[in-house]
Amino acid sequence: MYEKPALDTSIADPRSAFAAEITALARKHKDSVRVQTITKSGHTVLLTGMWGDSVGAIEITAPDGFKARRADGWKSAKTAEVAAFLWDVMEQDRARAAERKRLAGLKSVSITSADAIGQTSGRQTSRYHLTPEQLAQVHALTESLAAANTAG
């Protein structure tokens, strides 16, 4: 009979490996009031309020210092689900931080285009992130369009 080979989750899916590691920690210390450890991925995990099959709270600190916390209590069988959710929260924060870094130095502008043809005029506003040079070009273009409209 064919047996499916064991998959190394630490390579295949860091989220699942992270959740499994935290679940194992909760199982190992199920009657501890408080347990703290550093995971293989470098996250600091603090589990508190553990009593029997219940976990009271979890706080995870990512290597970059971002903290994710859940403190509403749950059954220890749901620890993997909770840890995976908090992994997603930290990933979303990491993505937002990368986007903020990418946009640093750019100017955020809203440009409204108007279509005055026909009985109803249409407007559409879009947001752009421009370098100072691009912003100067847009200003020059709008000034020349405004001048052409008044002359026309």
Protein backbone atom coordinates (compact mmCIF):
# COMPACT_ATOMS: atom_id res chain seq x y z
CA MET A 1 0.00 0.00 0.00
CA TYR A 2 1.25 3.47 -0.90
CA GLU A 3 1.97 5.81 1.98
CA LYS A 4 2.11 9.51 1.51
CA PRO A 5 5.58 10.79 2.47
CA ALA A 6 5.78 13.17 5.40
CA LEU A 7 5.91 16.76 4.25
CA ASP A 8 8.37 19.10 5.92
CA THR A 9 5.95 21.90 6.78
CA SER A 10 8.72 24.28 7.76
CA ILE A 11 9.73 24.43 4.09
CA ALA A 12 6.33 23.95 2.46
CA ASP A 13 4.25 26.42 4.47
CA PRO A 14 5.73 28.69 7.14
CA ARG A 15 2.24 29.62 8.37
CA SER A 16 1.33 25.97 9.05
CA ALA A 17 4.70 25.26 10.65
CA PHE A 18 4.27 28.31 12.88
CA ALA A 19 0.77 27.21 13.91
CA ALA A 20 1.94 23.65 14.58
CA GLU A 21 4.83 24.88 16.72
CA ILE A 22 2.54 27.03 18.86
CA THR A 23 0.00 24.21 19.16
CA ALA A 24 2.73 21.86 20.37
CA LEU A 25 3.80 24.49 22.91
CA ALA A 26 0.23 24.83 24.21
CA ARG A 27 -0.14 21.04 24.49
CA LYS A 28 3.20 20.63 26.23
CA HIS A 29 2.43 23.28 28.85
CA LYS A 30 -1.35 22.83 29.08
CA ASP A 31 -1.53 23.31 32.85
CA SER A 32 0.93 26.19 33.03
CA VAL A 33 -0.37 29.58 33.96
CA ARG A 34 2.16 31.31 31.71
CA VAL A 35 4.69 30.09 29.16
CA GLN A 36 6.95 32.07 26.85
CA THR A 37 9.28 30.90 24.10
CA ILE A 38 10.95 31.98 20.89
CA THR A 39 9.83 30.04 17.81
CA LYS A 40 12.04 28.74 15.01
CA SER A 41 10.90 31.72 12.93
CA GLY A 42 12.15 34.14 15.61
CA HIS A 43 8.75 35.14 16.99
CA THR A 44 8.34 35.50 20.75
CA VAL A 45 5.18 33.72 21.89
CA LEU A 46 3.54 34.23 25.27
CA LEU A 47 0.63 31.99 26.25
CA THR A 48 -1.22 32.87 29.46
CA GLY A 49 -4.23 31.67 31.38
CA MET A 50 -3.82 28.04 30.35
CA TRP A 51 -5.87 25.64 32.42
CA GLY A 52 -6.72 22.13 31.27
CA ASP A 53 -8.14 22.38 27.75
CA SER A 54 -8.35 26.17 27.70
CA VAL A 55 -5.96 28.92 26.69
CA GLY A 56 -6.72 32.42 27.94
CA ALA A 57 -4.55 34.65 25.78
CA ILE A 58 -1.70 34.66 23.32
CA GLU A 59 0.66 37.45 22.44
CA ILE A 60 3.06 37.07 19.52
CA THR A 61 5.88 39.51 18.93
CA ALA A 62 7.39 39.37 15.44
CA PRO A 63 11.15 39.80 14.99
CA ASP A 64 10.48 43.35 13.71
CA GLY A 65 8.69 44.24 16.97
CA PHE A 66 5.07 44.13 15.77
CA LYS A 67 2.75 42.53 18.33
CA ALA A 68 -0.40 40.55 17.64
CA ARG A 69 -2.63 39.51 20.53
CA ARG A 70 -5.80 37.58 21.18
CA ALA A 71 -7.21 37.45 24.69
CA ASP A 72 -10.75 36.11 24.49
CA GLY A 73 -9.97 32.53 25.51
CA TRP A 74 -10.43 29.37 23.45
CA LYS A 75 -10.12 25.62 23.66
CA SER A 76 -6.56 24.43 23.14
CA ALA A 77 -7.72 22.36 20.14
CA LYS A 78 -8.28 25.69 18.33
CA THR A 79 -4.76 26.97 19.02
CA ALA A 80 -3.52 26.18 15.49
CA GLU A 81 -6.40 28.16 14.00
CA VAL A 82 -5.73 31.12 16.32
CA ALA A 83 -1.98 31.05 15.59
CA ALA A 84 -2.60 30.90 11.82
CA PHE A 85 -4.95 33.88 12.07
CA LEU A 86 -2.35 35.89 14.01
CA TRP A 87 0.29 34.90 11.42
CA ASP A 88 -1.98 36.41 8.77
CA VAL A 89 -2.37 39.59 10.83
CA MET A 90 1.41 39.92 11.09
CA GLU A 91 1.84 39.27 7.34
CA GLN A 92 -0.72 41.99 6.55
CA ASP A 93 1.17 44.40 8.81
CA ARG A 94 4.44 43.48 7.10
CA ALA A 95 2.85 44.13 3.68
CA ARG A 96 1.49 47.51 4.81
CA ALA A 97 4.92 48.47 6.17
CA ALA A 98 6.54 47.51 2.85
CA GLU A 99 3.96 49.60 0.97
CA ARG A 100 4.59 52.60 3.26
CA LYS A 101 8.33 52.22 2.65
CA ARG A 102 7.77 52.00 -1.11
CA LEU A 103 5.68 55.18 -1.06
CA ALA A 104 8.10 57.15 1.12
CA GLY A 105 9.07 60.37 -0.65
CA LEU A 106 6.17 60.18 -3.09
CA LYS A 107 3.33 62.69 -3.07
CA SER A 108 -0.18 61.33 -2.92
CA VAL A 109 -2.55 63.22 -5.21
CA SER A 110 -6.16 62.80 -6.27
CA ILE A 111 -6.93 63.70 -9.85
CA THR A 112 -10.52 64.18 -10.97
CA SER A 113 -11.26 63.85 -14.63
CA ALA A 114 -14.48 65.30 -15.97
CA ASP A 115 -16.37 64.50 -19.14
CA ALA A 116 -18.65 67.40 -20.01
CA ILE A 117 -19.96 65.90 -23.25
CA GLY A 118 -23.67 65.18 -23.40
CA GLN A 119 -26.47 66.08 -21.02
CA THR A 120 -24.80 64.65 -17.92
CA SER A 121 -21.24 65.34 -17.04
CA GLY A 122 -19.25 62.46 -15.58
CA ARG A 123 -16.51 62.70 -13.00
CA GLN A 124 -14.00 60.13 -11.92
CA THR A 125 -11.42 60.58 -9.17
CA SER A 126 -8.29 58.45 -8.95
CA ARG A 127 -5.41 58.46 -6.48
CA TYR A 128 -1.81 58.47 -7.69
CA HIS A 129 1.56 58.45 -5.94
CA LEU A 130 3.96 60.69 -7.83
CA THR A 131 7.56 61.73 -7.51
CA PRO A 132 8.12 65.49 -7.08
CA GLU A 133 9.22 65.66 -10.74
CA GLN A 134 6.05 63.91 -11.94
CA LEU A 135 3.95 66.21 -9.77
CA ALA A 136 5.61 69.28 -11.37
CA GLN A 137 4.84 67.85 -14.83
CA VAL A 138 1.18 67.32 -13.88
CA HIS A 139 0.95 70.91 -12.57
CA ALA A 140 2.46 72.26 -15.80
CA LEU A 141 0.06 70.17 -17.87
CA THR A 142 -2.99 71.30 -15.92
CA GLU A 143 -1.94 74.93 -16.25
CA SER A 144 -1.52 74.58 -20.02
CA LEU A 145 -4.92 72.82 -20.30
CA ALA A 146 -6.56 75.54 -18.22
CA ALA A 147 -5.00 78.22 -20.43
CA ALA A 148 -6.16 76.42 -23.57
CA ASN A 149 -9.70 76.11 -22.21
CA THR A 150 -9.94 79.82 -21.36
CA ALA A 151 -8.50 80.82 -24.75
CA GLY A 152 -10.67 78.34 -26.65
